[in-house]
Amino acid sequence: MLIAIDGYRVSGRETMRQRINAIALGWFVFCSGAWGQLVFGPGPEDSGAQLDTIVAVVDDDVITRSELNTAVATVEQQFQQRGTSPPPQEVLENQILERLILAQLQLRAAERNGVVVDDQTLNSTIEGLAQQNNLTLSELRATLERDGIDFAEFREDIRRELLATRLRQRVVDNRLQISEQEVDNLLNRAPVQAIAQEYHIAQILIAVPEGATSAQLTAARDEANSVVESLRQGANFGSLAAAVSDGRQALEGGDLGWRSLEQLPTLFVDTVPRMQPGEISDPIRSPSGFHIVKVLETSASRAGSAPTTAELDRNQAREALFRRRAEEEWELWLRQLRGEAYVELRL
């Protein structure tokens, strides 16, 4: 199965259920119903009225307790479906709230940049999703409803995912250029077969703040080493990632998906190709903190083993370079967006 969202493709290794879960989790902040009556700060536990409290102020917007509770329930259901235990409630709520904050900021950034998704584009995308899964639109709707997903909410989730994709294209992708020299350098370093080799990886990030003190760096390094020791003694990587990782994929067990050599984050390039499936890396230092990587699987892609031409090799190398650069720039842009926003937590 291959899913395309406005020019971006999703690996065929993903199931329809996984794709739906990713969409629902990533944009759940926008799926809530009426806000009802709002209360600033903690409210009475049982006042006889349906009150909703504000758990975060994000610039001129708010995130409510009911939105957070709904998102938490969705994530807990996903943990149950995967057969893994969620992190402690406080940790889980904080992680999900941070996602909701970032999603809200992306929506407002899309509005400021004039990014829109009309109904015709939305309908075409959903029809494409159905076709790529060998379903009619009616069958797709029935599949969603069997899984307890309201079709109208699913449509809006897709619209907002398209908004995020187009925002990324506007602020990052359209500004990137890959030179012919960069392509030459890549092809000189590794044959196209090596570039096509894929690695299914997961990470745990122990973050450090900007301008971290020596004591903060030491504490983070010690925590990362402790995590590595626990993993090598048999701790479950996914459960530990959900509990301690500061990465954006923590609630998915740190899963970063399948990456070719040049789609790997730059700081992983020297480490991951030397690792075997199941192996845990030592902590890898970056400006963000300490990264612990696990190679889940490896697989040479079909493209790497098929006959190729020089032009095809160059195109494949250029695409790999572009995707890695775009992902790194997008992560930096999101960090800047979050850092510049006014956020007040009221949990």
C-alpha atoms as a PDB file:
ATOM      1  CA  MET A   1       0.000   0.000   0.000  1.00  0.00           C
ATOM      2  CA  LEU A   2       1.284   3.464  -0.851  1.00  0.00           C
ATOM      3  CA  ILE A   3      -0.416   6.589   0.397  1.00  0.00           C
ATOM      4  CA  ALA A   4       0.258  10.002  -1.113  1.00  0.00           C
ATOM      5  CA  ILE A   5      -0.680  13.181   0.728  1.00  0.00           C
ATOM      6  CA  ASP A   6      -0.304  16.218  -1.529  1.00  0.00           C
ATOM      7  CA  GLY A   7       2.956  15.068  -3.051  1.00  0.00           C
ATOM      8  CA  TYR A   8       4.373  13.209  -0.050  1.00  0.00           C
ATOM      9  CA  ARG A   9       4.389   9.447   0.066  1.00  0.00           C
ATOM     10  CA  VAL A  10       3.908   7.101   2.983  1.00  0.00           C
ATOM     11  CA  SER A  11       5.696   3.772   3.047  1.00  0.00           C
ATOM     12  CA  GLY A  12       3.750   0.752   1.928  1.00  0.00           C
ATOM     13  CA  ARG A  13       4.879  -0.926   5.137  1.00  0.00           C
ATOM     14  CA  GLU A  14       2.265   1.132   6.995  1.00  0.00           C
ATOM     15  CA  THR A  15      -1.172  -0.375   7.426  1.00  0.00           C
ATOM     16  CA  MET A  16      -4.361   1.600   6.940  1.00  0.00           C
ATOM     17  CA  ARG A  17      -4.957   1.335  10.693  1.00  0.00           C
ATOM     18  CA  GLN A  18      -1.495   2.793  11.433  1.00  0.00           C
ATOM     19  CA  ARG A  19      -2.065   5.628   8.985  1.00  0.00           C
ATOM     20  CA  ILE A  20      -5.420   6.512  10.526  1.00  0.00           C
ATOM     21  CA  ASN A  21      -3.874   6.435  13.994  1.00  0.00           C
ATOM     22  CA  ALA A  22      -1.075   8.773  12.924  1.00  0.00           C
ATOM     23  CA  ILE A  23      -3.516  11.254  11.446  1.00  0.00           C
ATOM     24  CA  ALA A  24      -5.821  11.125  14.445  1.00  0.00           C
ATOM     25  CA  LEU A  25      -3.000  11.572  16.936  1.00  0.00           C
ATOM     26  CA  GLY A  26      -1.130  14.254  15.063  1.00  0.00           C
ATOM     27  CA  TRP A  27      -4.102  16.587  14.683  1.00  0.00           C
ATOM     28  CA  PHE A  28      -6.496  15.635  17.482  1.00  0.00           C
ATOM     29  CA  VAL A  29      -6.414  19.140  18.901  1.00  0.00           C
ATOM     30  CA  PHE A  30      -8.710  20.262  16.126  1.00  0.00           C
ATOM     31  CA  CYS A  31     -11.298  17.500  16.383  1.00  0.00           C
ATOM     32  CA  SER A  32     -13.058  18.609  19.532  1.00  0.00           C
ATOM     33  CA  GLY A  33     -16.670  19.588  19.649  1.00  0.00           C
ATOM     34  CA  ALA A  34     -18.213  22.576  21.378  1.00  0.00           C
ATOM     35  CA  TRP A  35     -16.065  24.065  24.098  1.00  0.00           C
ATOM     36  CA  GLY A  36     -18.945  24.762  26.413  1.00  0.00           C
ATOM     37  CA  GLN A  37     -18.280  26.952  29.446  1.00  0.00           C
ATOM     38  CA  LEU A  38     -14.615  27.700  30.096  1.00  0.00           C
ATOM     39  CA  VAL A  39     -12.965  28.146  33.461  1.00  0.00           C
ATOM     40  CA  PHE A  40      -9.483  29.662  33.805  1.00  0.00           C
ATOM     41  CA  GLY A  41      -7.396  27.503  36.112  1.00  0.00           C
ATOM     42  CA  PRO A  42      -8.475  24.455  38.107  1.00  0.00           C
ATOM     43  CA  GLY A  43     -12.200  24.160  38.603  1.00  0.00           C
ATOM     44  CA  PRO A  44     -14.391  22.274  41.060  1.00  0.00           C
ATOM     45  CA  GLU A  45     -14.420  18.546  40.629  1.00  0.00           C
ATOM     46  CA  ASP A  46     -18.195  18.318  40.722  1.00  0.00           C
ATOM     47  CA  SER A  47     -20.099  21.574  40.476  1.00  0.00           C
ATOM     48  CA  GLY A  48     -23.204  20.105  38.924  1.00  0.00           C
ATOM     49  CA  ALA A  49     -22.466  21.890  35.658  1.00  0.00           C
ATOM     50  CA  GLN A  50     -20.443  20.862  32.637  1.00  0.00           C
ATOM     51  CA  LEU A  51     -17.392  23.105  32.985  1.00  0.00           C
ATOM     52  CA  ASP A  52     -14.236  22.971  30.919  1.00  0.00           C
ATOM     53  CA  THR A  53     -10.896  24.278  32.110  1.00  0.00           C
ATOM     54  CA  ILE A  54      -8.033  25.736  30.125  1.00  0.00           C
ATOM     55  CA  VAL A  55      -4.839  23.684  30.334  1.00  0.00           C
ATOM     56  CA  ALA A  56      -2.700  25.837  28.026  1.00  0.00           C
ATOM     57  CA  VAL A  57      -2.728  29.287  26.487  1.00  0.00           C
ATOM     58  CA  VAL A  58      -1.003  29.342  23.082  1.00  0.00           C
ATOM     59  CA  ASP A  59      -0.592  32.911  21.834  1.00  0.00           C
ATOM     60  CA  ASP A  60      -4.222  33.993  21.299  1.00  0.00           C
ATOM     61  CA  ASP A  61      -5.623  30.454  21.465  1.00  0.00           C
ATOM     62  CA  VAL A  62      -6.394  28.014  24.255  1.00  0.00           C
ATOM     63  CA  ILE A  63      -6.341  24.260  24.695  1.00  0.00           C
ATOM     64  CA  THR A  64      -9.010  22.873  26.992  1.00  0.00           C
ATOM     65  CA  ARG A  65      -9.067  19.995  29.420  1.00  0.00           C
ATOM     66  CA  SER A  66     -11.704  18.207  27.338  1.00  0.00           C
ATOM     67  CA  GLU A  67      -9.479  18.396  24.243  1.00  0.00           C
ATOM     68  CA  LEU A  68      -6.556  17.013  26.198  1.00  0.00           C
ATOM     69  CA  ASN A  69      -8.677  14.250  27.754  1.00  0.00           C
ATOM     70  CA  THR A  70      -9.995  13.216  24.340  1.00  0.00           C
ATOM     71  CA  ALA A  71      -6.502  13.077  22.874  1.00  0.00           C
ATOM     72  CA  VAL A  72      -5.201  11.122  25.875  1.00  0.00           C
ATOM     73  CA  ALA A  73      -8.002   8.573  25.516  1.00  0.00           C
ATOM     74  CA  THR A  74      -7.150   8.135  21.840  1.00  0.00           C
ATOM     75  CA  VAL A  75      -3.480   7.561  22.580  1.00  0.00           C
ATOM     76  CA  GLU A  76      -4.249   5.128  25.393  1.00  0.00           C
ATOM     77  CA  GLN A  77      -6.375   3.136  22.964  1.00  0.00           C
ATOM     78  CA  GLN A  78      -3.466   3.036  20.531  1.00  0.00           C
ATOM     79  CA  PHE A  79      -1.139   1.746  23.245  1.00  0.00           C
ATOM     80  CA  GLN A  80      -3.685  -0.952  24.001  1.00  0.00           C
ATOM     81  CA  GLN A  81      -3.885  -1.927  20.335  1.00  0.00           C
ATOM     82  CA  ARG A  82      -0.087  -2.195  20.184  1.00  0.00           C
ATOM     83  CA  GLY A  83      -0.032  -4.279  23.353  1.00  0.00           C
ATOM     84  CA  THR A  84       2.270  -1.874  25.202  1.00  0.00           C
ATOM     85  CA  SER A  85       1.842   0.035  28.436  1.00  0.00           C
ATOM     86  CA  PRO A  86       1.521   3.832  28.299  1.00  0.00           C
ATOM     87  CA  PRO A  87       3.817   6.005  30.421  1.00  0.00           C
ATOM     88  CA  PRO A  88       2.567   7.410  33.742  1.00  0.00           C
ATOM     89  CA  GLN A  89      -0.496   9.637  33.355  1.00  0.00           C
ATOM     90  CA  GLU A  90       1.354  12.868  34.118  1.00  0.00           C
ATOM     91  CA  VAL A  91       4.068  12.104  31.567  1.00  0.00           C
ATOM     92  CA  LEU A  92       1.506  11.097  28.964  1.00  0.00           C
ATOM     93  CA  GLU A  93      -0.556  14.253  29.449  1.00  0.00           C
ATOM     94  CA  ASN A  94       2.515  16.481  29.191  1.00  0.00           C
ATOM     95  CA  GLN A  95       3.684  14.787  25.997  1.00  0.00           C
ATOM     96  CA  ILE A  96       0.276  15.005  24.351  1.00  0.00           C
ATOM     97  CA  LEU A  97      -0.236  18.591  25.459  1.00  0.00           C
ATOM     98  CA  GLU A  98       3.058  19.540  23.810  1.00  0.00           C
ATOM     99  CA  ARG A  99       1.813  17.965  20.584  1.00  0.00           C
ATOM    100  CA  LEU A 100      -1.433  19.862  20.767  1.00  0.00           C
ATOM    101  CA  ILE A 101       0.479  23.098  21.310  1.00  0.00           C
ATOM    102  CA  LEU A 102       2.701  22.496  18.288  1.00  0.00           C
ATOM    103  CA  ALA A 103      -0.290  21.528  16.144  1.00  0.00           C
ATOM    104  CA  GLN A 104      -2.089  24.738  17.113  1.00  0.00           C
ATOM    105  CA  LEU A 105       0.974  26.801  16.275  1.00  0.00           C
ATOM    106  CA  GLN A 106       1.259  25.126  12.863  1.00  0.00           C
ATOM    107  CA  LEU A 107      -2.382  25.875  12.093  1.00  0.00           C
ATOM    108  CA  ARG A 108      -1.915  29.569  12.881  1.00  0.00           C
ATOM    109  CA  ALA A 109       1.327  29.658  10.903  1.00  0.00           C
ATOM    110  CA  ALA A 110      -0.516  28.195   7.920  1.00  0.00           C
ATOM    111  CA  GLU A 111      -3.126  30.942   8.190  1.00  0.00           C
ATOM    112  CA  ARG A 112      -0.455  33.647   8.372  1.00  0.00           C
ATOM    113  CA  ASN A 113       1.246  32.258   5.281  1.00  0.00           C
ATOM    114  CA  GLY A 114      -1.989  32.110   3.300  1.00  0.00           C
ATOM    115  CA  VAL A 115      -2.004  28.306   3.129  1.00  0.00           C
ATOM    116  CA  VAL A 116      -5.478  26.920   2.369  1.00  0.00           C
ATOM    117  CA  VAL A 117      -6.980  23.578   1.332  1.00  0.00           C
ATOM    118  CA  ASP A 118     -10.247  23.798  -0.580  1.00  0.00           C
ATOM    119  CA  ASP A 119     -12.982  21.157  -0.612  1.00  0.00           C
ATOM    120  CA  GLN A 120     -12.122  19.955  -4.111  1.00  0.00           C
ATOM    121  CA  THR A 121      -8.529  19.215  -3.109  1.00  0.00           C
ATOM    122  CA  LEU A 122      -9.706  17.555   0.087  1.00  0.00           C
ATOM    123  CA  ASN A 123     -12.215  15.351  -1.735  1.00  0.00           C
ATOM    124  CA  SER A 124      -9.620  14.314  -4.334  1.00  0.00           C
ATOM    125  CA  THR A 125      -7.141  13.392  -1.610  1.00  0.00           C
ATOM    126  CA  ILE A 126      -9.635  11.247   0.290  1.00  0.00           C
ATOM    127  CA  GLU A 127     -10.707   9.510  -2.918  1.00  0.00           C
ATOM    128  CA  GLY A 128      -7.037   8.844  -3.623  1.00  0.00           C
ATOM    129  CA  LEU A 129      -6.579   7.349  -0.171  1.00  0.00           C
ATOM    130  CA  ALA A 130      -9.489   5.006  -0.805  1.00  0.00           C
ATOM    131  CA  GLN A 131      -8.188   3.958  -4.239  1.00  0.00           C
ATOM    132  CA  GLN A 132      -4.667   3.319  -2.970  1.00  0.00           C
ATOM    133  CA  ASN A 133      -6.154   0.944  -0.401  1.00  0.00           C
ATOM    134  CA  ASN A 134      -8.363  -0.776  -3.006  1.00  0.00           C
ATOM    135  CA  LEU A 135     -11.505   0.634  -1.411  1.00  0.00           C
ATOM    136  CA  THR A 136     -14.409   2.638  -2.663  1.00  0.00           C
ATOM    137  CA  LEU A 137     -15.214   5.848  -0.838  1.00  0.00           C
ATOM    138  CA  SER A 138     -18.176   4.117   0.825  1.00  0.00           C
ATOM    139  CA  GLU A 139     -15.966   1.212   1.923  1.00  0.00           C
ATOM    140  CA  LEU A 140     -13.386   3.623   3.343  1.00  0.00           C
ATOM    141  CA  ARG A 141     -16.091   5.384   5.302  1.00  0.00           C
ATOM    142  CA  ALA A 142     -17.422   2.082   6.613  1.00  0.00           C
ATOM    143  CA  THR A 143     -13.902   0.983   7.625  1.00  0.00           C
ATOM    144  CA  LEU A 144     -13.378   4.193   9.566  1.00  0.00           C
ATOM    145  CA  GLU A 145     -16.721   3.979  11.307  1.00  0.00           C
ATOM    146  CA  ARG A 146     -16.084   0.356  12.310  1.00  0.00           C
ATOM    147  CA  ASP A 147     -12.941   1.612  14.024  1.00  0.00           C
ATOM    148  CA  GLY A 148     -14.939   4.276  15.850  1.00  0.00           C
ATOM    149  CA  ILE A 149     -13.717   7.207  13.717  1.00  0.00           C
ATOM    150  CA  ASP A 150     -16.262   9.780  12.628  1.00  0.00           C
ATOM    151  CA  PHE A 151     -15.926  10.397   8.878  1.00  0.00           C
ATOM    152  CA  ALA A 152     -16.528  14.136   9.157  1.00  0.00           C
ATOM    153  CA  GLU A 153     -13.738  14.414  11.728  1.00  0.00           C
ATOM    154  CA  PHE A 154     -11.496  12.267   9.534  1.00  0.00           C
ATOM    155  CA  ARG A 155     -12.065  14.695   6.645  1.00  0.00           C
ATOM    156  CA  GLU A 156     -10.984  17.595   8.793  1.00  0.00           C
ATOM    157  CA  ASP A 157      -7.943  15.645  10.002  1.00  0.00           C
ATOM    158  CA  ILE A 158      -6.914  15.139   6.371  1.00  0.00           C
ATOM    159  CA  ARG A 159      -7.511  18.810   5.600  1.00  0.00           C
ATOM    160  CA  ARG A 160      -5.221  19.824   8.438  1.00  0.00           C
ATOM    161  CA  GLU A 161      -2.584  17.310   7.444  1.00  0.00           C
ATOM    162  CA  LEU A 162      -2.656  18.829   3.975  1.00  0.00           C
ATOM    163  CA  LEU A 163      -2.311  22.264   5.561  1.00  0.00           C
ATOM    164  CA  ALA A 164       0.769  21.098   7.462  1.00  0.00           C
ATOM    165  CA  THR A 165       2.283  19.576   4.324  1.00  0.00           C
ATOM    166  CA  ARG A 166       1.710  22.752   2.333  1.00  0.00           C
ATOM    167  CA  LEU A 167       3.058  24.860   5.172  1.00  0.00           C
ATOM    168  CA  ARG A 168       6.235  22.787   5.113  1.00  0.00           C
ATOM    169  CA  GLN A 169       6.456  23.216   1.363  1.00  0.00           C
ATOM    170  CA  ARG A 170       6.020  26.981   1.721  1.00  0.00           C
ATOM    171  CA  VAL A 171       8.501  27.648   4.532  1.00  0.00           C
ATOM    172  CA  VAL A 172      11.090  24.910   3.910  1.00  0.00           C
ATOM    173  CA  ASP A 173      10.892  22.819   0.738  1.00  0.00           C
ATOM    174  CA  ASN A 174      10.500  25.650  -1.765  1.00  0.00           C
ATOM    175  CA  ARG A 175      13.652  27.296  -0.414  1.00  0.00           C
ATOM    176  CA  LEU A 176      15.921  24.253  -0.642  1.00  0.00           C
ATOM    177  CA  GLN A 177      18.271  23.617  -3.525  1.00  0.00           C
ATOM    178  CA  ILE A 178      20.481  20.579  -4.025  1.00  0.00           C
ATOM    179  CA  SER A 179      23.528  21.347  -6.149  1.00  0.00           C
ATOM    180  CA  GLU A 180      25.012  19.018  -8.744  1.00  0.00           C
ATOM    181  CA  GLN A 181      28.217  19.016  -6.691  1.00  0.00           C
ATOM    182  CA  GLU A 182      26.333  17.645  -3.673  1.00  0.00           C
ATOM    183  CA  VAL A 183      24.919  14.858  -5.841  1.00  0.00           C
ATOM    184  CA  ASP A 184      28.399  14.088  -7.191  1.00  0.00           C
ATOM    185  CA  ASN A 185      29.827  13.990  -3.679  1.00  0.00           C
ATOM    186  CA  LEU A 186      27.147  11.560  -2.523  1.00  0.00           C
ATOM    187  CA  LEU A 187      27.597   9.219  -5.482  1.00  0.00           C
ATOM    188  CA  ASN A 188      31.367   9.283  -4.981  1.00  0.00           C
ATOM    189  CA  ARG A 189      30.959   8.337  -1.306  1.00  0.00           C
ATOM    190  CA  ALA A 190      28.482   5.504  -1.789  1.00  0.00           C
ATOM    191  CA  PRO A 191      27.070   3.543  -4.729  1.00  0.00           C
ATOM    192  CA  VAL A 192      23.375   3.867  -5.407  1.00  0.00           C
ATOM    193  CA  GLN A 193      22.847   0.363  -3.981  1.00  0.00           C
ATOM    194  CA  ALA A 194      24.171   1.580  -0.625  1.00  0.00           C
ATOM    195  CA  ILE A 195      22.013   4.694  -0.839  1.00  0.00           C
ATOM    196  CA  ALA A 196      18.982   2.475  -1.453  1.00  0.00           C
ATOM    197  CA  GLN A 197      19.671   0.301   1.605  1.00  0.00           C
ATOM    198  CA  GLU A 198      16.948   1.044   4.144  1.00  0.00           C
ATOM    199  CA  TYR A 199      17.035   1.088   7.915  1.00  0.00           C
ATOM    200  CA  HIS A 200      13.990   0.922  10.164  1.00  0.00           C
ATOM    201  CA  ILE A 201      15.079   2.867  13.222  1.00  0.00           C
ATOM    202  CA  ALA A 202      13.745   4.228  16.492  1.00  0.00           C
ATOM    203  CA  GLN A 203      15.232   6.784  18.852  1.00  0.00           C
ATOM    204  CA  ILE A 204      15.046   8.034  22.411  1.00  0.00           C
ATOM    205  CA  LEU A 205      16.031  11.676  22.903  1.00  0.00           C
ATOM    206  CA  ILE A 206      17.175  12.990  26.257  1.00  0.00           C
ATOM    207  CA  ALA A 207      16.909  16.709  25.575  1.00  0.00           C
ATOM    208  CA  VAL A 208      19.030  19.530  26.933  1.00  0.00           C
ATOM    209  CA  PRO A 209      17.964  23.189  26.946  1.00  0.00           C
ATOM    210  CA  GLU A 210      19.688  25.808  24.825  1.00  0.00           C
ATOM    211  CA  GLY A 211      22.679  27.197  26.667  1.00  0.00           C
ATOM    212  CA  ALA A 212      22.701  24.197  29.008  1.00  0.00           C
ATOM    213  CA  THR A 213      25.048  24.395  31.961  1.00  0.00           C
ATOM    214  CA  SER A 214      27.755  21.836  32.625  1.00  0.00           C
ATOM    215  CA  ALA A 215      25.611  20.321  35.372  1.00  0.00           C
ATOM    216  CA  GLN A 216      22.608  19.989  33.037  1.00  0.00           C
ATOM    217  CA  LEU A 217      24.736  18.321  30.361  1.00  0.00           C
ATOM    218  CA  THR A 218      26.176  15.897  32.891  1.00  0.00           C
ATOM    219  CA  ALA A 219      22.715  15.022  34.225  1.00  0.00           C
ATOM    220  CA  ALA A 220      21.366  14.418  30.695  1.00  0.00           C
ATOM    221  CA  ARG A 221      24.385  12.301  29.762  1.00  0.00           C
ATOM    222  CA  ASP A 222      24.002  10.223  32.911  1.00  0.00           C
ATOM    223  CA  GLU A 223      20.304   9.705  32.193  1.00  0.00           C
ATOM    224  CA  ALA A 224      21.077   8.662  28.606  1.00  0.00           C
ATOM    225  CA  ASN A 225      23.689   6.170  29.791  1.00  0.00           C
ATOM    226  CA  SER A 226      21.214   4.781  32.311  1.00  0.00           C
ATOM    227  CA  VAL A 227      18.613   4.347  29.557  1.00  0.00           C
ATOM    228  CA  VAL A 228      21.133   2.519  27.351  1.00  0.00           C
ATOM    229  CA  GLU A 229      22.010   0.198  30.235  1.00  0.00           C
ATOM    230  CA  SER A 230      18.324  -0.589  30.853  1.00  0.00           C
ATOM    231  CA  LEU A 231      17.739  -1.292  27.161  1.00  0.00           C
ATOM    232  CA  ARG A 232      20.724  -3.599  26.907  1.00  0.00           C
ATOM    233  CA  GLN A 233      19.437  -5.458  29.939  1.00  0.00           C
ATOM    234  CA  GLY A 234      16.177  -6.143  28.136  1.00  0.00           C
ATOM    235  CA  ALA A 235      13.895  -3.156  28.759  1.00  0.00           C
ATOM    236  CA  ASN A 236      11.272  -2.606  26.066  1.00  0.00           C
ATOM    237  CA  PHE A 237      12.450   0.188  23.759  1.00  0.00           C
ATOM    238  CA  GLY A 238       8.980   1.406  22.799  1.00  0.00           C
ATOM    239  CA  SER A 239       7.717   1.586  26.359  1.00  0.00           C
ATOM    240  CA  LEU A 240      10.851   3.338  27.561  1.00  0.00           C
ATOM    241  CA  ALA A 241      10.688   5.810  24.671  1.00  0.00           C
ATOM    242  CA  ALA A 242       7.107   6.678  25.558  1.00  0.00           C
ATOM    243  CA  ALA A 243       8.097   7.222  29.179  1.00  0.00           C
ATOM    244  CA  VAL A 244      11.343   9.205  28.915  1.00  0.00           C
ATOM    245  CA  SER A 245      11.983  10.403  25.363  1.00  0.00           C
ATOM    246  CA  ASP A 246      11.680  14.090  24.503  1.00  0.00           C
ATOM    247  CA  GLY A 247      11.446  13.292  20.781  1.00  0.00           C
ATOM    248  CA  ARG A 248       8.306  14.078  18.793  1.00  0.00           C
ATOM    249  CA  GLN A 249       7.812  10.354  18.079  1.00  0.00           C
ATOM    250  CA  ALA A 250       7.948   9.308  21.738  1.00  0.00           C
ATOM    251  CA  LEU A 251       4.320   8.149  21.834  1.00  0.00           C
ATOM    252  CA  GLU A 252       4.964   5.922  18.818  1.00  0.00           C
ATOM    253  CA  GLY A 253       7.751   4.208  20.724  1.00  0.00           C
ATOM    254  CA  GLY A 254      10.333   6.507  19.142  1.00  0.00           C
ATOM    255  CA  ASP A 255       9.729   4.918  15.734  1.00  0.00           C
ATOM    256  CA  LEU A 256      11.287   7.036  12.955  1.00  0.00           C
ATOM    257  CA  GLY A 257      10.199   4.686  10.182  1.00  0.00           C
ATOM    258  CA  TRP A 258      12.248   3.399   7.267  1.00  0.00           C
ATOM    259  CA  ARG A 259      15.131   5.582   6.057  1.00  0.00           C
ATOM    260  CA  SER A 260      17.636   5.174   3.265  1.00  0.00           C
ATOM    261  CA  LEU A 261      21.241   6.110   4.003  1.00  0.00           C
ATOM    262  CA  GLU A 262      20.829   9.700   2.890  1.00  0.00           C
ATOM    263  CA  GLN A 263      17.463  10.048   4.594  1.00  0.00           C
ATOM    264  CA  LEU A 264      19.025   9.269   7.960  1.00  0.00           C
ATOM    265  CA  PRO A 265      19.533  12.263  10.227  1.00  0.00           C
ATOM    266  CA  THR A 266      23.081  13.500   9.668  1.00  0.00           C
ATOM    267  CA  LEU A 267      24.225  12.619  13.167  1.00  0.00           C
ATOM    268  CA  PHE A 268      23.155   8.965  12.649  1.00  0.00           C
ATOM    269  CA  VAL A 269      24.938   8.426   9.312  1.00  0.00           C
ATOM    270  CA  ASP A 270      28.204   7.167  10.807  1.00  0.00           C
ATOM    271  CA  THR A 271      26.513   4.942  13.391  1.00  0.00           C
ATOM    272  CA  VAL A 272      23.419   3.266  11.949  1.00  0.00           C
ATOM    273  CA  PRO A 273      24.983   1.523   8.900  1.00  0.00           C
ATOM    274  CA  ARG A 274      27.388  -0.323  11.244  1.00  0.00           C
ATOM    275  CA  MET A 275      24.594  -1.562  13.513  1.00  0.00           C
ATOM    276  CA  GLN A 276      22.755  -4.859  13.368  1.00  0.00           C
ATOM    277  CA  PRO A 277      18.974  -5.281  13.805  1.00  0.00           C
ATOM    278  CA  GLY A 278      18.135  -5.152  17.499  1.00  0.00           C
ATOM    279  CA  GLU A 279      21.329  -3.322  18.429  1.00  0.00           C
ATOM    280  CA  ILE A 280      21.263  -0.269  20.721  1.00  0.00           C
ATOM    281  CA  SER A 281      23.682   2.607  20.096  1.00  0.00           C
ATOM    282  CA  ASP A 282      25.670   4.495  22.672  1.00  0.00           C
ATOM    283  CA  PRO A 283      24.291   8.005  23.318  1.00  0.00           C
ATOM    284  CA  ILE A 284      24.913  10.315  20.342  1.00  0.00           C
ATOM    285  CA  ARG A 285      25.396  13.992  21.229  1.00  0.00           C
ATOM    286  CA  SER A 286      23.660  16.743  19.255  1.00  0.00           C
ATOM    287  CA  PRO A 287      22.631  20.334  20.007  1.00  0.00           C
ATOM    288  CA  SER A 288      19.220  18.923  21.007  1.00  0.00           C
ATOM    289  CA  GLY A 289      20.607  16.484  23.560  1.00  0.00           C
ATOM    290  CA  PHE A 290      21.576  12.820  23.614  1.00  0.00           C
ATOM    291  CA  HIS A 291      20.076  10.386  21.097  1.00  0.00           C
ATOM    292  CA  ILE A 292      19.835   6.630  21.622  1.00  0.00           C
ATOM    293  CA  VAL A 293      19.144   4.697  18.423  1.00  0.00           C
ATOM    294  CA  LYS A 294      17.856   1.194  17.855  1.00  0.00           C
ATOM    295  CA  VAL A 295      17.926  -0.506  14.460  1.00  0.00           C
ATOM    296  CA  LEU A 296      14.686  -2.442  14.226  1.00  0.00           C
ATOM    297  CA  GLU A 297      15.178  -3.915  10.738  1.00  0.00           C
ATOM    298  CA  THR A 298      17.256  -3.452   7.599  1.00  0.00           C
ATOM    299  CA  SER A 299      16.285  -4.122   4.023  1.00  0.00           C
ATOM    300  CA  ALA A 300      17.745  -3.358   0.601  1.00  0.00           C
ATOM    301  CA  SER A 301      15.014  -1.594  -1.354  1.00  0.00           C
ATOM    302  CA  ARG A 302      13.887  -2.897  -4.728  1.00  0.00           C
ATOM    303  CA  ALA A 303      15.194   0.262  -6.342  1.00  0.00           C
ATOM    304  CA  GLY A 304      18.723  -0.546  -5.221  1.00  0.00           C
ATOM    305  CA  SER A 305      18.744  -4.028  -6.758  1.00  0.00           C
ATOM    306  CA  ALA A 306      17.018  -3.157 -10.018  1.00  0.00           C
ATOM    307  CA  PRO A 307      18.977  -2.137 -13.149  1.00  0.00           C
ATOM    308  CA  THR A 308      19.653   1.590 -13.113  1.00  0.00           C
ATOM    309  CA  THR A 309      20.962   4.308 -15.387  1.00  0.00           C
ATOM    310  CA  ALA A 310      23.308   7.167 -14.540  1.00  0.00           C
ATOM    311  CA  GLU A 311      20.406   9.621 -14.736  1.00  0.00           C
ATOM    312  CA  LEU A 312      18.239   7.454 -12.468  1.00  0.00           C
ATOM    313  CA  ASP A 313      21.109   7.176  -9.988  1.00  0.00           C
ATOM    314  CA  ARG A 314      21.491  10.949  -9.898  1.00  0.00           C
ATOM    315  CA  ASN A 315      17.774  11.505  -9.462  1.00  0.00           C
ATOM    316  CA  GLN A 316      17.627   8.989  -6.633  1.00  0.00           C
ATOM    317  CA  ALA A 317      20.616  10.586  -4.921  1.00  0.00           C
ATOM    318  CA  ARG A 318      19.145  14.080  -5.349  1.00  0.00           C
ATOM    319  CA  GLU A 319      15.812  13.001  -3.864  1.00  0.00           C
ATOM    320  CA  ALA A 320      17.530  11.363  -0.893  1.00  0.00           C
ATOM    321  CA  LEU A 321      19.571  14.489  -0.206  1.00  0.00           C
ATOM    322  CA  PHE A 322      16.524  16.715  -0.533  1.00  0.00           C
ATOM    323  CA  ARG A 323      14.397  14.652   1.841  1.00  0.00           C
ATOM    324  CA  ARG A 324      17.054  14.568   4.538  1.00  0.00           C
ATOM    325  CA  ARG A 325      17.773  18.282   4.256  1.00  0.00           C
ATOM    326  CA  ALA A 326      14.063  19.136   4.236  1.00  0.00           C
ATOM    327  CA  GLU A 327      13.381  17.066   7.347  1.00  0.00           C
ATOM    328  CA  GLU A 328      16.252  18.639   9.249  1.00  0.00           C
ATOM    329  CA  GLU A 329      15.198  22.166   8.236  1.00  0.00           C
ATOM    330  CA  TRP A 330      11.572  21.429   9.161  1.00  0.00           C
ATOM    331  CA  GLU A 331      12.596  20.238  12.621  1.00  0.00           C
ATOM    332  CA  LEU A 332      14.610  23.425  13.124  1.00  0.00           C
ATOM    333  CA  TRP A 333      11.689  25.551  11.912  1.00  0.00           C
ATOM    334  CA  LEU A 334       9.282  23.840  14.315  1.00  0.00           C
ATOM    335  CA  ARG A 335      11.666  24.356  17.225  1.00  0.00           C
ATOM    336  CA  GLN A 336      11.908  28.045  16.354  1.00  0.00           C
ATOM    337  CA  LEU A 337       8.120  28.302  16.013  1.00  0.00           C
ATOM    338  CA  ARG A 338       7.667  26.761  19.463  1.00  0.00           C
ATOM    339  CA  GLY A 339      10.436  28.833  21.004  1.00  0.00           C
ATOM    340  CA  GLU A 340       9.015  32.141  19.782  1.00  0.00           C
ATOM    341  CA  ALA A 341       5.437  31.435  20.846  1.00  0.00           C
ATOM    342  CA  TYR A 342       3.802  32.595  24.062  1.00  0.00           C
ATOM    343  CA  VAL A 343       2.767  29.432  25.886  1.00  0.00           C
ATOM    344  CA  GLU A 344       1.342  29.283  29.394  1.00  0.00           C
ATOM    345  CA  LEU A 345       0.774  25.826  30.865  1.00  0.00           C
ATOM    346  CA  ARG A 346      -2.041  25.401  33.399  1.00  0.00           C
ATOM    347  CA  LEU A 347      -2.024  21.674  34.056  1.00  0.00           C
END
